[in-house]
C-alpha atoms as a PDB file:
ATOM      1  CA  MET A   1     114.039  64.193  83.681  1.00  0.00           C
ATOM      2  CA  SER A   2     112.836  65.086  80.210  1.00  0.00           C
ATOM      3  CA  LYS A   3     110.855  68.297  79.715  1.00  0.00           C
ATOM      4  CA  LEU A   4     107.464  68.678  78.114  1.00  0.00           C
ATOM      5  CA  SER A   5     107.561  70.309  74.725  1.00  0.00           C
ATOM      6  CA  ALA A   6     105.921  73.686  74.194  1.00  0.00           C
ATOM      7  CA  PRO A   7     103.231  72.218  71.873  1.00  0.00           C
ATOM      8  CA  LEU A   8     102.392  69.564  74.493  1.00  0.00           C
ATOM      9  CA  LYS A   9     102.127  72.187  77.234  1.00  0.00           C
ATOM     10  CA  ALA A  10      99.862  74.235  74.985  1.00  0.00           C
ATOM     11  CA  LEU A  11      97.662  71.208  74.327  1.00  0.00           C
ATOM     12  CA  ILE A  12      97.375  70.435  78.051  1.00  0.00           C
ATOM     13  CA  ASN A  13      96.318  74.014  78.729  1.00  0.00           C
ATOM     14  CA  THR A  14      94.098  74.587  75.724  1.00  0.00           C
ATOM     15  CA  PRO A  15      90.940  76.482  76.752  1.00  0.00           C
ATOM     16  CA  ALA A  16      88.794  73.735  75.222  1.00  0.00           C
ATOM     17  CA  ALA A  17      90.106  71.322  77.886  1.00  0.00           C
ATOM     18  CA  ARG A  18      89.216  73.737  80.719  1.00  0.00           C
ATOM     19  CA  PRO A  19      92.417  72.946  82.630  1.00  0.00           C
ATOM     20  CA  GLY A  20      91.902  75.430  85.451  1.00  0.00           C
ATOM     21  CA  THR A  21      89.500  75.799  88.329  1.00  0.00           C
ATOM     22  CA  THR A  22      86.180  77.604  87.911  1.00  0.00           C
ATOM     23  CA  PRO A  23      86.208  81.313  88.859  1.00  0.00           C
ATOM     24  CA  ALA A  24      83.649  82.646  91.317  1.00  0.00           C
ATOM     25  CA  PRO A  25      80.898  84.677  89.646  1.00  0.00           C
ATOM     26  CA  ARG A  26      80.289  88.160  91.018  1.00  0.00           C
ATOM     27  CA  HIS A  27      76.884  87.243  92.443  1.00  0.00           C
ATOM     28  CA  ILE A  28      77.867  84.004  94.196  1.00  0.00           C
ATOM     29  CA  LYS A  29      77.615  85.499  97.688  1.00  0.00           C
ATOM     30  CA  ALA A  30      74.022  86.479  96.995  1.00  0.00           C
ATOM     31  CA  ALA A  31      73.275  82.885  95.942  1.00  0.00           C
ATOM     32  CA  TYR A  32      74.695  81.535  99.209  1.00  0.00           C
ATOM     33  CA  GLU A  33      72.894  84.179 101.266  1.00  0.00           C
ATOM     34  CA  LYS A  34      69.594  83.158  99.690  1.00  0.00           C
ATOM     35  CA  ILE A  35      70.232  79.534 100.654  1.00  0.00           C
ATOM     36  CA  GLU A  36      71.067  80.657 104.192  1.00  0.00           C
ATOM     37  CA  ARG A  37      67.803  82.634 104.484  1.00  0.00           C
ATOM     38  CA  GLU A  38      65.658  79.829 103.112  1.00  0.00           C
ATOM     39  CA  ALA A  39      67.332  77.323 105.409  1.00  0.00           C
ATOM     40  CA  ALA A  40      66.584  79.497 108.448  1.00  0.00           C
ATOM     41  CA  SER A  41      62.940  79.870 107.420  1.00  0.00           C
ATOM     42  CA  ASN A  42      62.620  76.070 107.426  1.00  0.00           C
ATOM     43  CA  ASN A  43      64.540  75.527 110.688  1.00  0.00           C
ATOM     44  CA  VAL A  44      67.438  73.974 108.804  1.00  0.00           C
ATOM     45  CA  GLY A  45      70.635  74.420 110.796  1.00  0.00           C
ATOM     46  CA  ARG A  46      73.730  76.159 109.527  1.00  0.00           C
ATOM     47  CA  PRO A  47      75.761  72.906 109.277  1.00  0.00           C
ATOM     48  CA  ALA A  48      73.213  71.453 106.838  1.00  0.00           C
ATOM     49  CA  TRP A  49      73.036  74.335 104.372  1.00  0.00           C
ATOM     50  CA  LEU A  50      76.789  74.838 104.665  1.00  0.00           C
ATOM     51  CA  ALA A  51      77.488  71.150 103.909  1.00  0.00           C
ATOM     52  CA  LEU A  52      75.133  71.262 100.910  1.00  0.00           C
ATOM     53  CA  SER A  53      76.730  74.436  99.539  1.00  0.00           C
ATOM     54  CA  THR A  54      80.289  73.248 100.153  1.00  0.00           C
ATOM     55  CA  ALA A  55      79.728  69.908  98.411  1.00  0.00           C
ATOM     56  CA  ALA A  56      78.079  71.463  95.371  1.00  0.00           C
ATOM     57  CA  THR A  57      80.812  74.103  95.125  1.00  0.00           C
ATOM     58  CA  MET A  58      83.551  71.480  95.420  1.00  0.00           C
ATOM     59  CA  THR A  59      81.938  69.528  92.595  1.00  0.00           C
ATOM     60  CA  MET A  60      82.000  72.676  90.482  1.00  0.00           C
ATOM     61  CA  ASN A  61      85.754  72.972  91.178  1.00  0.00           C
ATOM     62  CA  SER A  62      85.524  76.583  92.349  1.00  0.00           C
ATOM     63  CA  PRO A  63      87.915  77.423  95.209  1.00  0.00           C
ATOM     64  CA  GLU A  64      87.124  81.133  94.847  1.00  0.00           C
ATOM     65  CA  SER A  65      83.462  80.379  95.498  1.00  0.00           C
ATOM     66  CA  LEU A  66      84.403  78.341  98.587  1.00  0.00           C
ATOM     67  CA  ALA A  67      86.132  81.430  99.962  1.00  0.00           C
ATOM     68  CA  ALA A  68      82.969  83.456  99.348  1.00  0.00           C
ATOM     69  CA  LEU A  69      80.879  80.774 101.048  1.00  0.00           C
ATOM     70  CA  TYR A  70      83.112  80.894 104.117  1.00  0.00           C
ATOM     71  CA  GLN A  71      82.683  84.662 104.282  1.00  0.00           C
ATOM     72  CA  VAL A  72      78.903  84.328 104.137  1.00  0.00           C
ATOM     73  CA  ALA A  73      78.873  81.616 106.804  1.00  0.00           C
ATOM     74  CA  THR A  74      81.092  83.572 109.203  1.00  0.00           C
ATOM     75  CA  LYS A  75      79.958  87.130 108.739  1.00  0.00           C
ATOM     76  CA  VAL A  76      78.520  87.373 112.269  1.00  0.00           C
ATOM     77  CA  GLN A  77      80.662  84.773 114.052  1.00  0.00           C
ATOM     78  CA  GLU A  78      83.413  84.892 116.625  1.00  0.00           C
ATOM     79  CA  SER A  79      86.862  83.609 115.695  1.00  0.00           C
ATOM     80  CA  THR A  80      86.335  80.254 117.448  1.00  0.00           C
ATOM     81  CA  GLN A  81      83.220  79.699 115.363  1.00  0.00           C
ATOM     82  CA  GLY A  82      85.216  80.655 112.294  1.00  0.00           C
ATOM     83  CA  VAL A  83      87.576  77.775 113.011  1.00  0.00           C
ATOM     84  CA  ALA A  84      84.646  75.380 113.437  1.00  0.00           C
ATOM     85  CA  THR A  85      83.177  76.538 110.122  1.00  0.00           C
ATOM     86  CA  ALA A  86      86.462  76.008 108.285  1.00  0.00           C
ATOM     87  CA  GLU A  87      86.867  72.583 109.899  1.00  0.00           C
ATOM     88  CA  LEU A  88      83.381  71.531 108.764  1.00  0.00           C
ATOM     89  CA  MET A  89      83.927  72.794 105.228  1.00  0.00           C
ATOM     90  CA  ARG A  90      87.212  70.983 104.780  1.00  0.00           C
ATOM     91  CA  GLU A  91      85.834  67.766 106.309  1.00  0.00           C
ATOM     92  CA  VAL A  92      82.955  67.935 103.816  1.00  0.00           C
ATOM     93  CA  GLY A  93      85.544  68.555 101.111  1.00  0.00           C
ATOM     94  CA  LEU A  94      87.428  65.449 102.141  1.00  0.00           C
ATOM     95  CA  LYS A  95      84.268  63.337 101.938  1.00  0.00           C
ATOM     96  CA  CYS A  96      83.642  64.687  98.449  1.00  0.00           C
ATOM     97  CA  ILE A  97      86.490  62.412  97.302  1.00  0.00           C
ATOM     98  CA  SER A  98      84.090  59.454  97.413  1.00  0.00           C
ATOM     99  CA  PHE A  99      81.803  61.142  94.888  1.00  0.00           C
ATOM    100  CA  ASN A 100      83.984  63.530  92.861  1.00  0.00           C
ATOM    101  CA  GLY A 101      87.420  61.928  93.012  1.00  0.00           C
ATOM    102  CA  ILE A 102      90.655  63.180  94.529  1.00  0.00           C
ATOM    103  CA  PRO A 103      91.754  65.986  92.122  1.00  0.00           C
ATOM    104  CA  ARG A 104      88.931  68.445  92.851  1.00  0.00           C
ATOM    105  CA  THR A 105      89.340  68.013  96.569  1.00  0.00           C
ATOM    106  CA  ILE A 106      93.084  68.712  96.218  1.00  0.00           C
ATOM    107  CA  ASN A 107      92.363  71.816  94.121  1.00  0.00           C
ATOM    108  CA  CYS A 108      89.690  73.216  96.384  1.00  0.00           C
ATOM    109  CA  LEU A 109      91.014  72.413  99.847  1.00  0.00           C
ATOM    110  CA  GLY A 110      94.506  73.667  99.049  1.00  0.00           C
ATOM    111  CA  ALA A 111      93.251  76.955  97.665  1.00  0.00           C
ATOM    112  CA  PHE A 112      90.604  77.270 100.390  1.00  0.00           C
ATOM    113  CA  ARG A 113      93.188  77.144 103.161  1.00  0.00           C
ATOM    114  CA  GLY A 114      95.132  79.875 101.395  1.00  0.00           C
ATOM    115  CA  THR A 115      92.127  82.216 101.542  1.00  0.00           C
ATOM    116  CA  LEU A 116      91.514  81.805 105.280  1.00  0.00           C
ATOM    117  CA  PRO A 117      92.639  84.469 107.751  1.00  0.00           C
ATOM    118  CA  PRO A 118      96.037  83.440 109.176  1.00  0.00           C
ATOM    119  CA  SER A 119      94.607  83.132 112.680  1.00  0.00           C
ATOM    120  CA  ILE A 120      92.006  80.656 111.417  1.00  0.00           C
ATOM    121  CA  ALA A 121      94.352  78.664 109.202  1.00  0.00           C
ATOM    122  CA  SER A 122      96.894  78.281 112.003  1.00  0.00           C
ATOM    123  CA  SER A 123      94.183  76.991 114.364  1.00  0.00           C
ATOM    124  CA  LEU A 124      92.975  74.139 112.153  1.00  0.00           C
ATOM    125  CA  SER A 125      93.602  70.577 113.296  1.00  0.00           C
ATOM    126  CA  ARG A 126      96.822  69.070 111.957  1.00  0.00           C
ATOM    127  CA  ASN A 127      96.469  65.562 113.349  1.00  0.00           C
ATOM    128  CA  PRO A 128      95.238  62.843 110.941  1.00  0.00           C
ATOM    129  CA  SER A 129      92.457  60.627 112.244  1.00  0.00           C
ATOM    130  CA  ARG A 130      92.117  57.971 109.545  1.00  0.00           C
ATOM    131  CA  ILE A 131      95.448  56.154 109.553  1.00  0.00           C
ATOM    132  CA  PRO A 132      94.714  52.404 109.583  1.00  0.00           C
ATOM    133  CA  ASN A 133      96.700  50.124 111.871  1.00  0.00           C
ATOM    134  CA  PRO A 134      96.312  46.579 113.235  1.00  0.00           C
ATOM    135  CA  GLN A 135      94.387  47.880 116.236  1.00  0.00           C
ATOM    136  CA  ASN A 136      91.720  49.889 114.384  1.00  0.00           C
ATOM    137  CA  ILE A 137      91.291  48.128 111.042  1.00  0.00           C
ATOM    138  CA  THR A 138      88.352  46.029 112.244  1.00  0.00           C
ATOM    139  CA  THR A 139      86.654  49.115 113.646  1.00  0.00           C
ATOM    140  CA  ILE A 140      87.070  50.916 110.321  1.00  0.00           C
ATOM    141  CA  ARG A 141      85.547  47.976 108.474  1.00  0.00           C
ATOM    142  CA  ASP A 142      82.649  47.674 110.909  1.00  0.00           C
ATOM    143  CA  ARG A 143      81.709  51.352 110.880  1.00  0.00           C
ATOM    144  CA  GLY A 144      81.801  51.325 107.074  1.00  0.00           C
ATOM    145  CA  ARG A 145      79.406  48.390 106.922  1.00  0.00           C
ATOM    146  CA  SER A 146      77.180  50.008 109.529  1.00  0.00           C
ATOM    147  CA  LEU A 147      76.901  53.195 107.462  1.00  0.00           C
ATOM    148  CA  TRP A 148      76.308  51.162 104.296  1.00  0.00           C
ATOM    149  CA  ASN A 149      73.524  49.194 105.978  1.00  0.00           C
ATOM    150  CA  SER A 150      71.883  52.353 107.269  1.00  0.00           C
ATOM    151  CA  ILE A 151      71.803  53.903 103.799  1.00  0.00           C
ATOM    152  CA  TYR A 152      70.797  50.900 101.717  1.00  0.00           C
ATOM    153  CA  ARG A 153      68.632  48.745 103.986  1.00  0.00           C
ATOM    154  CA  PRO A 154      66.786  46.450 103.307  1.00  0.00           C
ATOM    155  CA  TYR A 155      68.853  45.870 100.141  1.00  0.00           C
ATOM    156  CA  GLU A 156      72.321  46.249 101.657  1.00  0.00           C
ATOM    157  CA  SER A 157      73.456  42.628 101.100  1.00  0.00           C
ATOM    158  CA  LYS A 158      71.779  42.315  97.711  1.00  0.00           C
ATOM    159  CA  LEU A 159      73.592  45.436  96.516  1.00  0.00           C
ATOM    160  CA  VAL A 160      76.965  44.121  97.673  1.00  0.00           C
ATOM    161  CA  ASP A 161      76.343  40.920  95.717  1.00  0.00           C
ATOM    162  CA  LYS A 162      75.369  42.896  92.625  1.00  0.00           C
ATOM    163  CA  LEU A 163      78.478  45.075  92.805  1.00  0.00           C
ATOM    164  CA  SER A 164      80.707  42.019  93.183  1.00  0.00           C
ATOM    165  CA  GLU A 165      79.378  40.683  89.886  1.00  0.00           C
ATOM    166  CA  SER A 166      80.840  43.752  88.172  1.00  0.00           C
ATOM    167  CA  HIS A 167      84.187  43.202  89.888  1.00  0.00           C
ATOM    168  CA  PRO A 168      84.847  41.155  93.023  1.00  0.00           C
ATOM    169  CA  ASP A 169      86.868  43.978  94.579  1.00  0.00           C
ATOM    170  CA  LEU A 170      84.354  46.728  93.794  1.00  0.00           C
ATOM    171  CA  PRO A 171      82.309  46.327  96.999  1.00  0.00           C
ATOM    172  CA  VAL A 172      85.512  45.611  98.947  1.00  0.00           C
ATOM    173  CA  HIS A 173      86.957  48.966  97.900  1.00  0.00           C
ATOM    174  CA  ILE A 174      83.704  50.875  98.337  1.00  0.00           C
ATOM    175  CA  LEU A 175      82.994  49.505 101.804  1.00  0.00           C
ATOM    176  CA  ASN A 176      86.500  49.668 103.240  1.00  0.00           C
ATOM    177  CA  SER A 177      88.219  52.547 101.460  1.00  0.00           C
ATOM    178  CA  HIS A 178      85.209  54.855 101.204  1.00  0.00           C
ATOM    179  CA  TYR A 179      82.418  53.996 103.614  1.00  0.00           C
ATOM    180  CA  GLY A 180      84.751  52.765 106.356  1.00  0.00           C
ATOM    181  CA  ALA A 181      87.867  54.885 106.026  1.00  0.00           C
ATOM    182  CA  LEU A 182      86.309  58.103 104.722  1.00  0.00           C
ATOM    183  CA  LEU A 183      82.537  58.563 104.815  1.00  0.00           C
ATOM    184  CA  ALA A 184      81.911  57.155 108.310  1.00  0.00           C
ATOM    185  CA  ASP A 185      83.233  59.637 110.862  1.00  0.00           C
ATOM    186  CA  PRO A 186      86.267  58.444 112.826  1.00  0.00           C
ATOM    187  CA  VAL A 187      85.511  57.569 116.417  1.00  0.00           C
ATOM    188  CA  ASP A 188      87.935  60.155 117.786  1.00  0.00           C
ATOM    189  CA  ARG A 189      88.660  63.378 115.935  1.00  0.00           C
ATOM    190  CA  PRO A 190      90.182  65.746 118.500  1.00  0.00           C
ATOM    191  CA  GLY A 191      89.886  69.300 117.212  1.00  0.00           C
ATOM    192  CA  GLY A 192      88.276  68.270 113.932  1.00  0.00           C
ATOM    193  CA  ALA A 193      84.739  68.480 112.597  1.00  0.00           C
ATOM    194  CA  LYS A 194      82.198  65.677 112.581  1.00  0.00           C
ATOM    195  CA  VAL A 195      79.916  65.677 109.553  1.00  0.00           C
ATOM    196  CA  GLY A 196      77.577  63.007 110.884  1.00  0.00           C
ATOM    197  CA  ARG A 197      75.034  60.682 109.340  1.00  0.00           C
ATOM    198  CA  VAL A 198      72.486  63.165 107.989  1.00  0.00           C
ATOM    199  CA  LEU A 199      74.991  65.600 106.539  1.00  0.00           C
ATOM    200  CA  SER A 200      76.944  62.780 104.889  1.00  0.00           C
ATOM    201  CA  SER A 201      73.798  61.964 102.908  1.00  0.00           C
ATOM    202  CA  VAL A 202      73.305  65.651 102.103  1.00  0.00           C
ATOM    203  CA  VAL A 203      76.904  65.811 100.839  1.00  0.00           C
ATOM    204  CA  ALA A 204      76.356  62.732  98.672  1.00  0.00           C
ATOM    205  CA  VAL A 205      73.174  64.130  97.122  1.00  0.00           C
ATOM    206  CA  ALA A 206      74.765  67.535  96.500  1.00  0.00           C
ATOM    207  CA  CYS A 207      77.858  66.127  94.798  1.00  0.00           C
ATOM    208  CA  LEU A 208      75.950  63.671  92.657  1.00  0.00           C
ATOM    209  CA  ARG A 209      73.284  66.176  91.623  1.00  0.00           C
ATOM    210  CA  ALA A 210      75.962  68.709  90.644  1.00  0.00           C
ATOM    211  CA  GLN A 211      77.787  66.096  88.556  1.00  0.00           C
ATOM    212  CA  THR A 212      74.787  65.118  86.405  1.00  0.00           C
ATOM    213  CA  GLY A 213      74.414  61.701  84.799  1.00  0.00           C
ATOM    214  CA  VAL A 214      73.957  59.731  88.027  1.00  0.00           C
ATOM    215  CA  GLY A 215      70.245  59.936  88.769  1.00  0.00           C
ATOM    216  CA  PRO A 216      69.993  56.444  90.317  1.00  0.00           C
ATOM    217  CA  GLN A 217      72.689  57.332  92.840  1.00  0.00           C
ATOM    218  CA  VAL A 218      70.961  60.623  93.682  1.00  0.00           C
ATOM    219  CA  THR A 219      67.796  58.649  94.364  1.00  0.00           C
ATOM    220  CA  SER A 220      69.655  56.136  96.549  1.00  0.00           C
ATOM    221  CA  HIS A 221      71.185  58.826  98.719  1.00  0.00           C
ATOM    222  CA  LEU A 222      67.902  60.714  99.082  1.00  0.00           C
ATOM    223  CA  PHE A 223      66.494  57.486 100.471  1.00  0.00           C
ATOM    224  CA  GLY A 224      69.624  57.236 102.615  1.00  0.00           C
ATOM    225  CA  LEU A 225      68.857  60.666 104.070  1.00  0.00           C
ATOM    226  CA  ARG A 226      65.334  59.580 104.921  1.00  0.00           C
ATOM    227  CA  LYS A 227      66.545  56.363 106.520  1.00  0.00           C
ATOM    228  CA  ALA A 228      68.919  58.306 108.763  1.00  0.00           C
ATOM    229  CA  VAL A 229      65.899  60.053 110.242  1.00  0.00           C
ATOM    230  CA  GLU A 230      63.821  56.885 110.384  1.00  0.00           C
ATOM    231  CA  ASP A 231      66.423  54.772 112.200  1.00  0.00           C
ATOM    232  CA  GLY A 232      67.586  57.535 114.538  1.00  0.00           C
ATOM    233  CA  SER A 233      71.241  57.182 113.512  1.00  0.00           C
ATOM    234  CA  TRP A 234      71.476  60.962 113.203  1.00  0.00           C
ATOM    235  CA  VAL A 235      70.541  61.838 116.801  1.00  0.00           C
ATOM    236  CA  ASP A 236      74.112  62.477 117.946  1.00  0.00           C
ATOM    237  CA  ASP A 237      74.837  64.647 114.921  1.00  0.00           C
ATOM    238  CA  GLU A 238      75.218  68.401 114.992  1.00  0.00           C
ATOM    239  CA  ALA A 239      73.014  68.752 111.924  1.00  0.00           C
ATOM    240  CA  GLY A 240      70.652  71.268 113.510  1.00  0.00           C
ATOM    241  CA  PRO A 241      67.151  71.350 115.013  1.00  0.00           C
ATOM    242  CA  GLU A 242      65.181  68.119 114.703  1.00  0.00           C
ATOM    243  CA  GLN A 243      62.329  69.922 112.952  1.00  0.00           C
ATOM    244  CA  GLY A 244      64.707  71.085 110.227  1.00  0.00           C
ATOM    245  CA  VAL A 245      66.324  67.666 109.850  1.00  0.00           C
ATOM    246  CA  ARG A 246      62.954  65.995 109.463  1.00  0.00           C
ATOM    247  CA  TRP A 247      61.948  68.624 106.912  1.00  0.00           C
ATOM    248  CA  LEU A 248      65.099  67.924 104.865  1.00  0.00           C
ATOM    249  CA  ALA A 249      64.080  64.253 104.767  1.00  0.00           C
ATOM    250  CA  SER A 250      60.584  65.078 103.461  1.00  0.00           C
ATOM    251  CA  ASP A 251      59.519  65.472  99.827  1.00  0.00           C
ATOM    252  CA  GLU A 252      59.542  69.258 100.235  1.00  0.00           C
ATOM    253  CA  GLY A 253      62.979  69.207 101.803  1.00  0.00           C
ATOM    254  CA  ASN A 254      64.371  66.876  99.155  1.00  0.00           C
ATOM    255  CA  VAL A 255      63.110  69.202  96.431  1.00  0.00           C
ATOM    256  CA  TRP A 256      64.750  72.134  98.224  1.00  0.00           C
ATOM    257  CA  ILE A 257      68.107  70.349  98.378  1.00  0.00           C
ATOM    258  CA  LEU A 258      68.058  69.543  94.658  1.00  0.00           C
ATOM    259  CA  GLU A 259      66.929  73.031  93.677  1.00  0.00           C
ATOM    260  CA  LYS A 260      69.614  74.699  95.807  1.00  0.00           C
ATOM    261  CA  VAL A 261      72.303  72.522  94.247  1.00  0.00           C
ATOM    262  CA  ASP A 262      70.946  73.362  90.797  1.00  0.00           C
ATOM    263  CA  GLY A 263      71.098  77.047  91.733  1.00  0.00           C
ATOM    264  CA  ILE A 264      74.763  76.802  92.736  1.00  0.00           C
ATOM    265  CA  VAL A 265      75.580  74.968  89.508  1.00  0.00           C
ATOM    266  CA  GLU A 266      73.711  77.611  87.522  1.00  0.00           C
ATOM    267  CA  ALA A 267      75.506  80.453  89.297  1.00  0.00           C
ATOM    268  CA  ILE A 268      79.056  79.087  89.148  1.00  0.00           C
ATOM    269  CA  GLY A 269      78.592  77.505  85.722  1.00  0.00           C
ATOM    270  CA  GLY A 270      77.317  80.739  84.229  1.00  0.00           C
ATOM    271  CA  GLY A 271      74.276  78.982  82.826  1.00  0.00           C
ATOM    272  CA  LYS A 272      76.416  76.389  81.020  1.00  0.00           C
ATOM    273  CA  GLY A 273      75.718  73.567  83.470  1.00  0.00           C
ATOM    274  CA  SER A 274      78.072  71.452  85.509  1.00  0.00           C
ATOM    275  CA  SER A 275      81.835  71.747  85.122  1.00  0.00           C
ATOM    276  CA  TYR A 276      82.220  68.096  86.127  1.00  0.00           C
ATOM    277  CA  ALA A 277      81.863  66.733  82.584  1.00  0.00           C
ATOM    278  CA  PRO A 278      81.114  69.710  80.326  1.00  0.00           C
ATOM    279  CA  ALA A 279      80.486  69.385  76.636  1.00  0.00           C
ATOM    280  CA  ARG A 280      83.242  70.722  74.415  1.00  0.00           C
ATOM    281  CA  GLU A 281      84.069  70.885  70.754  1.00  0.00           C
ATOM    282  CA  SER A 282      86.732  68.505  69.512  1.00  0.00           C
ATOM    283  CA  LYS A 283      89.906  70.213  68.312  1.00  0.00           C
ATOM    284  CA  LEU A 284      91.280  67.141  66.581  1.00  0.00           C
END
């Protein structure tokens, strides 16, 4: 195999291209602790604020900050709860693929596991739960369409038709590869975390808000969060107290979600905005 030349390697790793992950700022724990306190004051459960913070941090491509978030979330927990927290964070990270793409999830989840205490890392589930086969493929398709309908009703069919005009396989891929195979929780996940309906919408909003440039999609998923409460599809979730879930779906709660994501972006980005598509000077 041919080798890359030194000038090419230098170009790949030029600082202007920001080739590495984003370091954790010194005050990031304080930012997460503030979110935790505010969530508690509004009866928002730990899974909800943790999912929000994880998704925004993943979007900012900051594995070091994920490690700090885990420390904040587990500072008063037993080891079994530490495993559950890590499972939830990495399941949220997996779902971030649908909004941020694969590379940031690879970066963050790989590094995140390396920062966990050995006893926690060795206790994480190792069994995949999303492998398609002839027996489950219809179930995967159906649960994807069910989640899609819950989020986008009463425009679910109209939106599929509109997407197909852009490319006939666009809604096919979105519904089957993302909503069915990834975003909708598998029926049976022994040992693994279940994000659930409400938190999936929170993850979507957090990722999209942290990206910038996708306001219509942020709006759609805020409505999706509200519809989860309206149609009762969240009732089997472990999202937290009902009062807190209903507050998250209100105007006040929606504002809180967006402001907390903005705060994480501000903290990790050092005031320079999102790392998802940062401005940079051309070196050509």
